[in-house]
Each structure stands twice: as C-alpha cells, then as structure tokens.
C-alpha cells in the first residue's frame, strides 16, 4: 500500500458529505438494547442453553450492550434457569454491573410473579431487573389476536367477538396493560417497559393514547415495535417525531425503544432514522437473528451509524464484531452468509485481478470499511478472475519459504503460478463441490429444529408406545 499524497476527502466524496448536517442525540445517551437471547432465539431452529445464554450475555455486555432482554420466564424452565444464572453471574462480577437485565412478560400477574420468583432465587431484588410487559397498539392484533381474551377479561360473552367494535378492544387493551404495570409496581419493580406489538401498523393517535396511559400507570419505557418489518424510512418519519414530541422523550419523561424487524432488509436504516428522531434505545440482535428475516443486526446498525452518519458510540467495541459473529454462529448453529455486510467471512476477500491490483495500491480504492476496525481479516482468494499482482504479493510474503526451496520470485514464476491457479479453478467447477456444499448446508439447517415430517414421526412413535402399554 502506498501513502496517499492528497487527503482522502479531496479525492472522493465521503458518505458523511450528505449526512453531516443531521443532528443526532449525544452518542453517550444512545443505549444499545440487545434482543439476541430472547427475541433472537425465536428464529426457527435456534435454541440456547442456560449456560450458553450466560456466556453470550457476558460477551455482549463486554462488547458494549447497555440493556439485554434475556428470557421469557413463564415460558420454560430453561428460561427461568437462564435468568437466574445471568443474575448470579452479574452479582458475582462476571457480567458487568451496569448491564440492565430485562425479562419479558405478558400483561398478566402470573408472568410478573414468575420473574420475581427467579429474582428472589438469584438472591437479587425487584430493583435489579427490568420487565417488558407485552401488549399491542394495532387494531388487527387487538381484535383478531387478543379479542376473545379481552372479552373474557371484561366479563363479556366470547360469542360477541366478531360483532364487537374495535373501540371496545382499544379501551379494554388499555385497562389490561395499565393493570399489569400497576401490579408490577406494587411488587417493587421500578423499570417497566410497555411494548406495543405491530405499532408500525397502528393509528398513531391511539398509540400515543395507549402510551400515555402506560406512563401514568408507572411505565418507564415505550417499546415501539415494527413486528412485521414493514417500516420504510418514511414510515418512521410519520410515527417517531409525533411520539417523541407527545410523550416528552427528549425531556426525559419516558424512554423509547425502536424494535424493528428486517423483512425488507431495512431494519438498520429504519433504526438509525428512529434514533435521529429521538429514540433512546435501538433494539438489535447479534447476526440479525430472529423470526422470519430476523431483527435489526448489531453490526449493520452500529457501522451505518458510525461510517455513514458520523456517530461513534463511545462504549461500543467495534473491533470485536467478527468475534461476536462467530460466537453466535457456534451457539445457534446458523452460519451467516459469507457476503453479509461488515462481518461476513468473505467481505474483506478479493479475487478479481482488477480489484486486487487496486487494493494493493490503496484499500480505499475498493474497500470503504477497514477490516481492522471490525476485527476482520483482508485476504486474497485465487481463481479464474485473478491477476498477477495479487499472486506476486502473496508469493512475496512467503519469499523466505520459497527461497529455502531454491525458488526466486520473478515474472516467470508469477505467470506459471497464475496459469496453474486458473487451470485448477476450472477443474473444480466440474467436481460438483458447490452443489454438495449447498445441499449439506440446508441438510444441517433442517436438523437444527424439529421439522414437520419429524413431528409426525414423533406422534406415531408415541402412539406405538401407548399401544405397547395397553
């Protein structure tokens, strides 16, 4: 690599040329909110053991996460154990004491009691844990998902479900969530997040009314969810300024989480946009794992924010992103795509002769993100498109080894090696390795969970066992 004689920003227009006028909150006030261990685990086929959750929680906290949703205790013994072990690890100093540990509940007292039981078993107190109480702001969810449960809670006949107007369900939903918040408060819980599923398809006026009622009941953070991943940046622009202003987010009256899914690949840019408007807690998952197309990924959000908008998060350890990627792959069993932005195994690899020759002059010609900033490694891969410059560079790095075998690096050797590389790569194309690799990948992926056919087999096995006992 050569040293540029002119400043880089005089040779190219840098991305921040078009974004530097935007005014983000103080980076120190942006609280990274991780959902890997709870919402991320809802990705089909992914399941973390309690021990894995403790290990990943420690890593995520060390990387720079501020709030972590770690479990849904009422759902399973495994989640209860995981929450207890994480709290014990935090009390023992193995996980940072500043980490805000959060557990999810439905808007029912039994779910809140389950969290408190775990808190007490860990030797902690109600003030040591946050709870997220789940409801919705969407009329579709209100009537057609929660409708019958709301009718029953209000003492109405469930047969009235379809004929009852949406306005009834809106009011009943507010009573449901505020009763749950008041109950959590009465049990000593101080940090209470109230989460609105499908808020991105709700009436913004109702979402504000709902949130105001939650704040009055004692809620401290509003989780605005793009549950189906349908937001566009323009959609964020519609909801977030109105909510931030109405709820007094910038004045510190309440915190605001932006919890976005990634069904159209817009999770990162939408979350950046929400933070620009005043959201205090961007919700993320490592490797972007989660339901369907996943959640907003940690790596995309923090790097878009830093390199495209000039907002560097002071507590985040960017150089550990590749380490985090590999830890999540090992625990989940799901490899990330090799060309995944920022952390993919191949994003700092180069094969084309035109590209590799330019990279050897200066990486900025073709590579904007510096691999060392995110813990990656730049490498050359050789194949049918390779050029002599990259071959010579790699041979030069190994000059001592070649000299010990009596070889001198010159244009003749470079040409011979390059010809041989291209011959071998052409031969590999016809071996079927690519097809076999894809088949093995999907076979392994299907084995991560219990597929439909396997479920039927389990039912037949159970039937056979029962007959055997008769």
Protein backbone atom coordinates (compact mmCIF):
# COMPACT_ATOMS: atom_id res chain seq x y z
CA UNK A 1 0.00 0.00 0.00
CA UNK A 2 1.22 3.49 -0.79
CA UNK A 3 0.60 6.66 1.20
CA UNK A 4 -1.86 9.00 -0.50
CA UNK A 5 -0.29 12.37 -1.33
CA UNK A 6 -3.65 14.14 -1.03
CA UNK A 7 -6.22 13.85 1.80
CA UNK A 8 -8.75 11.14 1.01
CA UNK A 9 -11.69 13.52 1.35
CA UNK A 10 -10.31 15.62 -1.52
CA UNK A 11 -10.12 12.58 -3.79
CA UNK A 12 -13.61 11.18 -3.14
CA UNK A 13 -16.87 12.44 -1.70
CA UNK A 14 -17.16 10.66 1.65
CA UNK A 15 -20.57 9.31 2.77
CA UNK A 16 -20.87 11.85 5.58
CA UNK A 17 -20.84 14.63 2.96
CA UNK A 18 -24.59 14.08 2.68
CA UNK A 19 -25.43 13.35 6.33
CA UNK A 20 -23.24 15.61 8.47
CA UNK A 21 -25.98 18.24 8.72
CA UNK A 22 -28.26 15.84 10.61
CA UNK A 23 -28.39 16.26 14.38
CA UNK A 24 -28.37 13.01 16.34
CA UNK A 25 -28.64 12.76 20.12
CA UNK A 26 -25.41 12.77 22.13
CA UNK A 27 -23.84 9.36 21.30
CA UNK A 28 -23.24 8.74 25.01
CA UNK A 29 -27.03 8.78 25.56
CA UNK A 30 -27.79 6.11 22.92
CA UNK A 31 -28.45 2.87 24.82
CA UNK A 32 -27.86 -0.29 22.81
CA UNK A 33 -30.66 -2.76 23.58
CA UNK A 34 -29.94 -6.38 22.74
CA UNK A 35 -32.64 -8.96 21.99
CA UNK A 36 -30.41 -11.84 20.86
CA UNK A 37 -31.13 -14.14 23.81
CA UNK A 38 -34.92 -13.76 23.81
CA UNK A 39 -36.40 -12.46 20.55
CA UNK A 40 -33.41 -13.66 18.53
CA UNK A 41 -33.90 -17.16 19.93
CA UNK A 42 -37.34 -17.20 18.29
CA UNK A 43 -35.61 -17.80 14.97
CA UNK A 44 -36.79 -21.29 13.86
CA UNK A 45 -34.25 -23.92 14.85
CA UNK A 46 -32.32 -21.70 17.28
CA UNK A 47 -32.24 -22.61 20.97
CA UNK A 48 -29.66 -21.54 23.54
CA UNK A 49 -28.98 -23.48 26.72
CA UNK A 50 -28.87 -21.53 30.00
CA UNK A 51 -25.08 -21.91 30.07
CA UNK A 52 -24.83 -20.55 26.53
CA UNK A 53 -27.02 -17.59 27.47
CA UNK A 54 -24.70 -16.72 30.34
CA UNK A 55 -21.65 -16.94 28.07
CA UNK A 56 -23.26 -14.83 25.35
CA UNK A 57 -24.62 -12.31 27.86
CA UNK A 58 -21.11 -11.76 29.22
CA UNK A 59 -19.71 -11.29 25.70
CA UNK A 60 -22.50 -8.93 24.61
CA UNK A 61 -22.10 -6.83 27.75
CA UNK A 62 -18.34 -6.66 27.21
CA UNK A 63 -18.82 -5.61 23.58
CA UNK A 64 -20.92 -2.66 24.71
CA UNK A 65 -24.59 -3.60 25.17
CA UNK A 66 -26.47 -1.48 27.73
CA UNK A 67 -29.82 -3.30 28.06
CA UNK A 68 -30.35 -7.00 27.45
CA UNK A 69 -33.62 -8.92 27.07
CA UNK A 70 -32.54 -12.37 28.24
CA UNK A 71 -35.62 -14.52 28.91
CA UNK A 72 -39.38 -15.07 28.95
CA UNK A 73 -39.53 -16.86 32.34
CA UNK A 74 -43.15 -18.06 32.28
CA UNK A 75 -42.49 -19.89 29.01
CA UNK A 76 -40.00 -22.53 30.15
CA UNK A 77 -37.81 -23.83 32.95
CA UNK A 78 -34.81 -23.24 30.69
CA UNK A 79 -35.57 -19.50 30.54
CA UNK A 80 -36.03 -19.34 34.31
CA UNK A 81 -32.67 -21.01 34.86
CA UNK A 82 -31.01 -18.72 32.30
CA UNK A 83 -32.31 -15.57 34.01
CA UNK A 84 -31.21 -16.85 37.42
CA UNK A 85 -27.71 -17.75 36.19
CA UNK A 86 -27.28 -14.39 34.47
CA UNK A 87 -28.31 -12.52 37.61
CA UNK A 88 -25.97 -14.65 39.70
CA UNK A 89 -23.13 -14.03 37.24
CA UNK A 90 -23.80 -10.30 37.39
CA UNK A 91 -23.80 -10.30 41.20
CA UNK A 92 -20.52 -12.22 41.12
CA UNK A 93 -18.96 -9.67 38.74
CA UNK A 94 -18.68 -11.99 35.73
CA UNK A 95 -21.15 -9.79 33.84
CA UNK A 96 -20.91 -6.01 34.09
CA UNK A 97 -22.92 -4.49 36.91
CA UNK A 98 -24.09 -1.64 34.69
CA UNK A 99 -25.93 -4.00 32.34
CA UNK A 100 -29.72 -3.56 32.59
CA UNK A 101 -31.06 -7.14 32.59
CA UNK A 102 -34.62 -7.43 31.30
CA UNK A 103 -37.20 -10.24 31.25
CA UNK A 104 -40.38 -10.39 29.18
CA UNK A 105 -43.93 -10.89 30.47
CA UNK A 106 -47.40 -10.90 29.07
CA UNK A 107 -49.80 -8.44 30.66
CA UNK A 108 -50.90 -10.88 33.36
CA UNK A 109 -49.85 -11.04 37.04
CA UNK A 110 -48.70 -14.67 36.79
CA UNK A 111 -45.98 -13.78 34.29
CA UNK A 112 -44.73 -10.98 36.54
CA UNK A 113 -44.75 -13.33 39.53
CA UNK A 114 -42.63 -15.82 37.56
CA UNK A 115 -39.97 -13.15 37.01
CA UNK A 116 -39.99 -12.20 40.68
CA UNK A 117 -39.62 -15.84 41.75
CA UNK A 118 -36.43 -16.08 39.69
CA UNK A 119 -35.16 -12.75 41.01
CA UNK A 120 -35.54 -13.94 44.58
CA UNK A 121 -33.98 -17.34 43.81
CA UNK A 122 -30.93 -15.50 42.48
CA UNK A 123 -30.58 -13.50 45.67
CA UNK A 124 -31.49 -10.28 43.86
CA UNK A 125 -34.27 -7.78 44.37
CA UNK A 126 -37.04 -6.31 42.19
CA UNK A 127 -34.96 -3.21 41.51
CA UNK A 128 -32.21 -5.35 39.94
CA UNK A 129 -34.27 -6.33 36.88
CA UNK A 130 -36.38 -4.61 34.26
CA UNK A 131 -39.54 -6.19 32.91
CA UNK A 132 -41.11 -5.81 29.50
CA UNK A 133 -44.88 -6.16 29.54
CA UNK A 134 -46.24 -7.09 26.13
CA UNK A 135 -49.40 -5.81 24.50
CA UNK A 136 -50.23 -4.23 21.14
CA UNK A 137 -51.32 -0.96 19.54
CA UNK A 138 -52.60 -2.48 16.29
CA UNK A 139 -56.34 -2.81 15.73
CA UNK A 140 -55.73 -6.00 13.74
CA UNK A 141 -53.95 -7.59 16.70
CA UNK A 142 -56.35 -6.13 19.23
CA UNK A 143 -59.49 -7.61 17.78
CA UNK A 144 -58.33 -10.70 15.95
CA UNK A 145 -55.45 -11.88 18.14
CA UNK A 146 -56.40 -10.68 21.64
CA UNK A 147 -60.12 -10.09 21.11
CA UNK A 148 -61.58 -13.16 22.79
CA UNK A 149 -59.20 -12.89 25.75
CA UNK A 150 -60.15 -9.22 26.20
CA UNK A 151 -63.87 -10.06 26.06
CA UNK A 152 -63.42 -12.74 28.71
CA UNK A 153 -61.41 -10.41 30.94
CA UNK A 154 -64.13 -7.76 30.65
CA UNK A 155 -66.85 -10.28 31.56
CA UNK A 156 -68.35 -10.36 28.09
CA UNK A 157 -69.50 -13.40 26.10
CA UNK A 158 -66.81 -14.61 23.70
CA UNK A 159 -69.51 -15.14 21.06
CA UNK A 160 -69.61 -11.33 20.73
CA UNK A 161 -66.06 -11.39 19.36
CA UNK A 162 -66.58 -10.51 15.70
CA UNK A 163 -69.51 -8.14 16.17
CA UNK A 164 -67.89 -6.03 18.89
CA UNK A 165 -66.42 -2.78 17.51
CA UNK A 166 -62.68 -2.04 17.59
CA UNK A 167 -63.24 0.85 20.03
CA UNK A 168 -64.16 -1.65 22.77
CA UNK A 169 -60.94 -3.59 22.27
CA UNK A 170 -58.87 -0.41 22.35
CA UNK A 171 -60.28 0.58 25.73
CA UNK A 172 -60.02 -2.95 27.13
CA UNK A 173 -56.42 -3.17 25.99
CA UNK A 174 -55.51 -0.02 27.88
CA UNK A 175 -57.10 -1.44 31.04
CA UNK A 176 -55.21 -4.70 30.53
CA UNK A 177 -51.74 -3.16 30.18
CA UNK A 178 -52.17 -0.49 32.87
CA UNK A 179 -53.42 -3.04 35.43
CA UNK A 180 -50.32 -5.15 34.71
CA UNK A 181 -47.99 -2.15 35.07
CA UNK A 182 -49.59 -1.17 38.37
CA UNK A 183 -49.27 -4.74 39.61
CA UNK A 184 -45.56 -4.84 38.71
CA UNK A 185 -45.09 -1.54 40.53
CA UNK A 186 -46.87 -2.90 43.59
CA UNK A 187 -44.39 -5.82 43.65
CA UNK A 188 -41.41 -3.45 43.72
CA UNK A 189 -40.34 -3.44 40.08
CA UNK A 190 -39.09 0.01 39.12
CA UNK A 191 -38.11 -0.26 35.44
CA UNK A 192 -41.13 -1.27 33.37
CA UNK A 193 -41.12 -1.31 29.59
CA UNK A 194 -44.51 -1.42 27.88
CA UNK A 195 -44.29 -2.98 24.44
CA UNK A 196 -46.73 -2.40 21.60
CA UNK A 197 -46.62 -5.18 19.03
CA UNK A 198 -47.37 -4.16 15.45
CA UNK A 199 -47.19 -0.48 16.39
CA UNK A 200 -45.94 0.33 12.89
CA UNK A 201 -49.40 -0.54 11.53
CA UNK A 202 -51.35 1.23 14.27
CA UNK A 203 -53.21 4.55 14.44
CA UNK A 204 -50.55 6.90 15.78
CA UNK A 205 -53.14 8.74 17.88
CA UNK A 206 -54.16 5.52 19.62
CA UNK A 207 -50.52 4.50 20.09
CA UNK A 208 -49.92 7.81 21.89
CA UNK A 209 -53.09 7.46 23.98
CA UNK A 210 -52.06 3.91 24.94
CA UNK A 211 -48.52 5.00 25.84
CA UNK A 212 -49.76 7.96 27.90
CA UNK A 213 -51.92 5.61 29.95
CA UNK A 214 -48.93 3.28 30.46
CA UNK A 215 -46.75 6.16 31.66
CA UNK A 216 -49.47 7.31 34.09
CA UNK A 217 -49.64 3.76 35.47
CA UNK A 218 -45.90 3.72 36.15
CA UNK A 219 -44.28 2.58 32.91
CA UNK A 220 -40.79 3.94 32.19
CA UNK A 221 -40.01 2.92 28.60
CA UNK A 222 -42.18 2.58 25.48
CA UNK A 223 -41.17 -0.22 23.10
CA UNK A 224 -42.45 0.70 19.65
CA UNK A 225 -42.36 -2.47 17.54
CA UNK A 226 -42.28 -2.91 13.79
CA UNK A 227 -43.26 -6.52 14.35
CA UNK A 228 -43.79 -7.44 10.71
CA UNK A 229 -40.82 -5.48 9.38
CA UNK A 230 -42.92 -3.27 7.12
CA UNK A 231 -41.46 0.12 8.00
CA UNK A 232 -39.90 2.37 5.40
CA UNK A 233 -37.85 5.40 6.48
CA UNK A 234 -40.89 7.49 5.57
CA UNK A 235 -42.99 5.38 7.94
CA UNK A 236 -40.51 6.07 10.73
CA UNK A 237 -40.79 9.76 9.87
CA UNK A 238 -44.57 9.54 10.29
CA UNK A 239 -44.62 7.92 13.73
CA UNK A 240 -41.49 8.86 15.67
CA UNK A 241 -41.48 12.68 15.63
CA UNK A 242 -45.11 12.70 16.78
CA UNK A 243 -44.48 10.14 19.53
CA UNK A 244 -41.24 11.75 20.73
CA UNK A 245 -42.95 15.14 20.99
CA UNK A 246 -46.21 13.95 22.56
CA UNK A 247 -44.54 11.76 25.20
CA UNK A 248 -41.73 14.15 26.09
CA UNK A 249 -38.97 11.70 25.19
CA UNK A 250 -36.33 14.39 24.67
CA UNK A 251 -37.22 15.89 28.06
CA UNK A 252 -36.56 12.54 29.73
CA UNK A 253 -40.19 11.88 30.68
CA UNK A 254 -40.01 8.37 29.19
CA UNK A 255 -37.52 6.29 27.23
CA UNK A 256 -38.31 4.99 23.74
CA UNK A 257 -37.21 1.68 22.20
CA UNK A 258 -37.17 1.18 18.42
CA UNK A 259 -37.70 -2.56 17.94
CA UNK A 260 -37.69 -3.27 14.21
CA UNK A 261 -37.71 -6.48 12.20
CA UNK A 262 -35.91 -6.84 8.88
CA UNK A 263 -38.37 -8.40 6.44
CA UNK A 264 -37.49 -5.94 3.65
CA UNK A 265 -33.85 -5.52 4.64
CA UNK A 266 -34.48 -2.03 6.02
CA UNK A 267 -34.04 -2.72 9.74
CA UNK A 268 -30.72 -0.90 10.12
CA UNK A 269 -31.58 2.28 8.23
CA UNK A 270 -35.02 2.47 9.86
CA UNK A 271 -33.49 2.11 13.32
CA UNK A 272 -30.92 4.81 12.55
CA UNK A 273 -33.78 7.02 11.43
CA UNK A 274 -35.69 6.38 14.68
CA UNK A 275 -32.62 7.33 16.72
CA UNK A 276 -32.26 10.52 14.66
CA UNK A 277 -35.83 11.41 15.67
CA UNK A 278 -35.09 10.77 19.37
CA UNK A 279 -35.50 7.04 20.10
CA UNK A 280 -33.23 6.33 23.07
CA UNK A 281 -32.91 2.54 22.79
CA UNK A 282 -32.20 0.93 19.39
CA UNK A 283 -33.21 -2.75 19.68
CA UNK A 284 -30.80 -5.15 17.95
CA UNK A 285 -29.69 -8.75 17.71
CA UNK A 286 -26.27 -10.23 17.05
CA UNK A 287 -26.07 -11.50 13.45
CA UNK A 288 -29.60 -10.15 12.98
CA UNK A 289 -31.15 -13.43 14.17
CA UNK A 290 -34.88 -13.50 14.84
CA UNK A 291 -38.20 -14.53 13.38
CA UNK A 292 -38.67 -14.69 9.60
CA UNK A 293 -35.96 -12.39 8.16
CA UNK A 294 -34.67 -11.53 11.62
CA UNK A 295 -34.22 -8.31 13.57
CA UNK A 296 -32.06 -5.25 13.04
CA UNK A 297 -28.49 -6.51 13.36
CA UNK A 298 -25.97 -5.04 15.76
CA UNK A 299 -23.22 -4.91 13.16
CA UNK A 300 -25.23 -3.12 10.50
CA UNK A 301 -26.73 -0.57 12.88
CA UNK A 302 -23.52 0.48 14.63
CA UNK A 303 -21.49 0.69 11.40
CA UNK A 304 -24.14 2.57 9.39
CA UNK A 305 -24.42 4.98 12.30
CA UNK A 306 -20.64 5.42 12.54
CA UNK A 307 -19.39 5.39 8.96
CA UNK A 308 -22.35 6.87 7.08
CA UNK A 309 -23.63 9.32 9.71
CA UNK A 310 -20.52 10.07 11.76
CA UNK A 311 -21.95 8.94 15.11
CA UNK A 312 -19.43 6.86 17.07
CA UNK A 313 -20.78 5.10 20.16
CA UNK A 314 -18.23 5.63 22.95
CA UNK A 315 -18.88 2.38 24.83
CA UNK A 316 -19.06 0.04 21.84
CA UNK A 317 -16.10 -2.14 20.89
CA UNK A 318 -16.34 -2.22 17.12
CA UNK A 319 -13.18 -4.32 16.76
CA UNK A 320 -14.99 -7.30 18.34
CA UNK A 321 -17.78 -7.55 15.78
CA UNK A 322 -16.26 -10.52 13.96
CA UNK A 323 -15.63 -12.27 17.29
CA UNK A 324 -19.29 -11.74 18.23
CA UNK A 325 -20.44 -13.05 14.85
CA UNK A 326 -18.52 -16.29 15.29
CA UNK A 327 -19.74 -16.80 18.87
CA UNK A 328 -23.38 -16.50 17.76
CA UNK A 329 -22.76 -18.87 14.85
CA UNK A 330 -21.32 -21.50 17.19
CA UNK A 331 -24.16 -21.18 19.70
CA UNK A 332 -27.01 -21.01 17.18
CA UNK A 333 -25.69 -23.44 14.58
CA UNK A 334 -26.61 -20.92 11.86
CA UNK A 335 -23.69 -19.59 9.78
CA UNK A 336 -24.09 -16.07 8.48
CA UNK A 337 -23.93 -15.58 4.70
CA UNK A 338 -20.32 -15.09 3.52
CA UNK A 339 -21.19 -11.78 1.86
CA UNK A 340 -23.06 -10.39 4.89
CA UNK A 341 -22.12 -6.71 5.18
CA UNK A 342 -19.34 -5.91 7.65
CA UNK A 343 -18.94 -9.31 9.34
CA UNK A 344 -19.32 -11.89 6.54
CA UNK A 345 -16.39 -14.25 6.11
CA UNK A 346 -15.86 -13.06 2.55
CA UNK A 347 -16.44 -9.31 2.71
CA UNK A 348 -12.73 -8.50 3.00
CA UNK A 349 -11.69 -11.14 0.46
CA UNK A 350 -10.78 -10.19 -3.10
CA UNK A 351 -10.31 -12.28 -6.24
CA UNK A 352 -10.76 -10.12 -9.35
CA UNK A 353 -7.44 -9.06 -10.84
CA UNK A 354 -8.65 -5.51 -11.39
CA UNK A 355 -9.72 -5.22 -7.75
CA UNK A 356 -6.72 -6.90 -6.18
CA UNK A 357 -4.26 -4.76 -8.13
CA UNK A 358 -6.04 -1.63 -6.92
CA UNK A 359 -6.30 -2.87 -3.32
CA UNK A 360 -2.52 -3.34 -3.30
CA UNK A 361 -2.13 0.33 -4.25
CA UNK A 362 -4.55 1.50 -1.53
CA UNK A 363 -7.53 -0.33 0.09
CA UNK A 364 -9.76 2.77 -0.12
CA UNK A 365 -9.99 2.32 -3.89
CA UNK A 366 -12.41 -0.59 -3.44
CA UNK A 367 -12.90 -1.05 0.30
CA UNK A 368 -14.52 1.62 2.47
CA UNK A 369 -14.77 -0.30 5.76
CA UNK A 370 -11.35 -1.07 7.21
CA UNK A 371 -11.17 -4.73 8.22
CA UNK A 372 -9.12 -3.99 11.35
CA UNK A 373 -11.88 -1.68 12.64
CA UNK A 374 -14.32 -4.58 12.94
CA UNK A 375 -11.94 -7.43 13.72
CA UNK A 376 -11.91 -8.83 10.18
CA UNK A 377 -9.05 -10.05 8.00
CA UNK A 378 -8.24 -8.98 4.47
CA UNK A 379 -7.23 -11.84 2.21
CA UNK A 380 -6.89 -12.74 -1.45
CA UNK A 381 -8.74 -15.70 -2.94
CA UNK A 382 -7.40 -17.04 -6.21
CA UNK A 383 -9.43 -18.26 -9.14
CA UNK A 384 -10.34 -17.71 -12.77
CA UNK A 385 -10.51 -13.91 -12.37
CA UNK A 386 -7.21 -13.47 -10.52
CA UNK A 387 -4.40 -11.24 -11.73
CA UNK A 388 -0.63 -11.29 -11.48
CA UNK A 389 -0.37 -8.50 -8.87
CA UNK A 390 -2.09 -10.47 -6.13
CA UNK A 391 -0.13 -13.63 -6.94
CA UNK A 392 3.13 -11.71 -6.70
CA UNK A 393 2.09 -10.06 -3.42
CA UNK A 394 1.30 -13.37 -1.74
CA UNK A 395 4.45 -15.01 -3.05
CA UNK A 396 6.46 -12.05 -1.75
CA UNK A 397 5.00 -12.50 1.73
CA UNK A 398 6.34 -16.06 1.62
CA UNK A 399 9.68 -15.27 -0.03
CA UNK A 400 11.78 -16.94 2.69
CA UNK A 401 9.90 -20.22 2.37
CA UNK A 402 10.21 -20.18 -1.41
CA UNK A 403 13.91 -19.32 -1.22
CA UNK A 404 14.51 -22.29 1.06
CA UNK A 405 13.28 -24.42 -1.82
CA UNK A 406 15.54 -22.68 -4.28
CA UNK A 407 12.85 -20.55 -5.87
CA UNK A 408 13.17 -16.92 -6.93
CA UNK A 409 10.13 -14.71 -7.33
CA UNK A 410 10.11 -13.27 -10.83
CA UNK A 411 7.62 -12.62 -13.60
CA UNK A 412 8.07 -16.13 -15.00
CA UNK A 413 7.16 -17.79 -11.67
CA UNK A 414 4.21 -15.46 -11.19
CA UNK A 415 2.88 -16.26 -14.67
CA UNK A 416 3.29 -20.02 -14.19
CA UNK A 417 1.53 -19.96 -10.80
CA UNK A 418 -1.31 -17.84 -12.18
CA UNK A 419 -1.83 -20.20 -15.12
CA UNK A 420 -1.91 -23.17 -12.78
CA UNK A 421 -4.42 -21.44 -10.47
CA UNK A 422 -6.80 -20.83 -13.35
CA UNK A 423 -6.49 -24.43 -14.57
CA UNK A 424 -7.26 -25.81 -11.11
CA UNK A 425 -10.24 -23.49 -10.61
CA UNK A 426 -11.75 -24.53 -13.97
CA UNK A 427 -11.37 -28.18 -12.95
CA UNK A 428 -13.08 -27.53 -9.59
CA UNK A 429 -16.15 -26.11 -11.32
CA UNK A 430 -16.94 -29.56 -12.72
CA UNK A 431 -16.46 -31.55 -9.48
CA UNK A 432 -19.90 -30.77 -8.03
CA UNK A 433 -18.40 -29.29 -4.85
CA UNK A 434 -20.66 -26.23 -4.98
CA UNK A 435 -23.85 -28.28 -5.24
CA UNK A 436 -22.71 -30.60 -2.47
CA UNK A 437 -21.84 -27.68 -0.17
CA UNK A 438 -25.28 -26.12 -0.62
CA UNK A 439 -27.06 -29.43 -0.01
CA UNK A 440 -25.05 -30.07 3.16
CA UNK A 441 -25.75 -26.57 4.44
CA UNK A 442 -29.53 -26.95 4.11
CA UNK A 443 -29.49 -30.51 5.45
CA UNK A 444 -27.72 -29.24 8.56
CA UNK A 445 -30.08 -26.29 8.85
CA UNK A 446 -33.14 -28.55 8.74
CA UNK A 447 -31.68 -30.63 11.57
CA UNK A 448 -31.49 -27.63 13.92
CA UNK A 449 -35.17 -27.89 14.82
CA UNK A 450 -37.95 -30.47 14.62
CA UNK A 451 -39.34 -30.37 11.08
CA UNK A 452 -42.99 -31.12 10.22
CA UNK A 453 -42.24 -34.63 8.99
CA UNK A 454 -40.24 -35.38 12.14
CA UNK A 455 -43.14 -34.12 14.27
CA UNK A 456 -45.50 -36.61 12.62
CA UNK A 457 -42.96 -39.37 13.24
CA UNK A 458 -42.83 -38.41 16.92
CA UNK A 459 -46.63 -38.64 17.13
CA UNK A 460 -46.55 -42.11 15.54
CA UNK A 461 -43.84 -43.21 17.96
CA UNK A 462 -45.92 -42.05 20.90
CA UNK A 463 -48.96 -43.89 19.55
CA UNK A 464 -46.90 -47.06 19.19
CA UNK A 465 -45.58 -46.70 22.75
CA UNK A 466 -49.07 -46.26 24.12
CA UNK A 467 -50.29 -49.37 22.32
CA UNK A 468 -47.38 -51.27 23.77
CA UNK A 469 -48.50 -50.38 27.29
CA UNK A 470 -52.08 -51.49 26.70
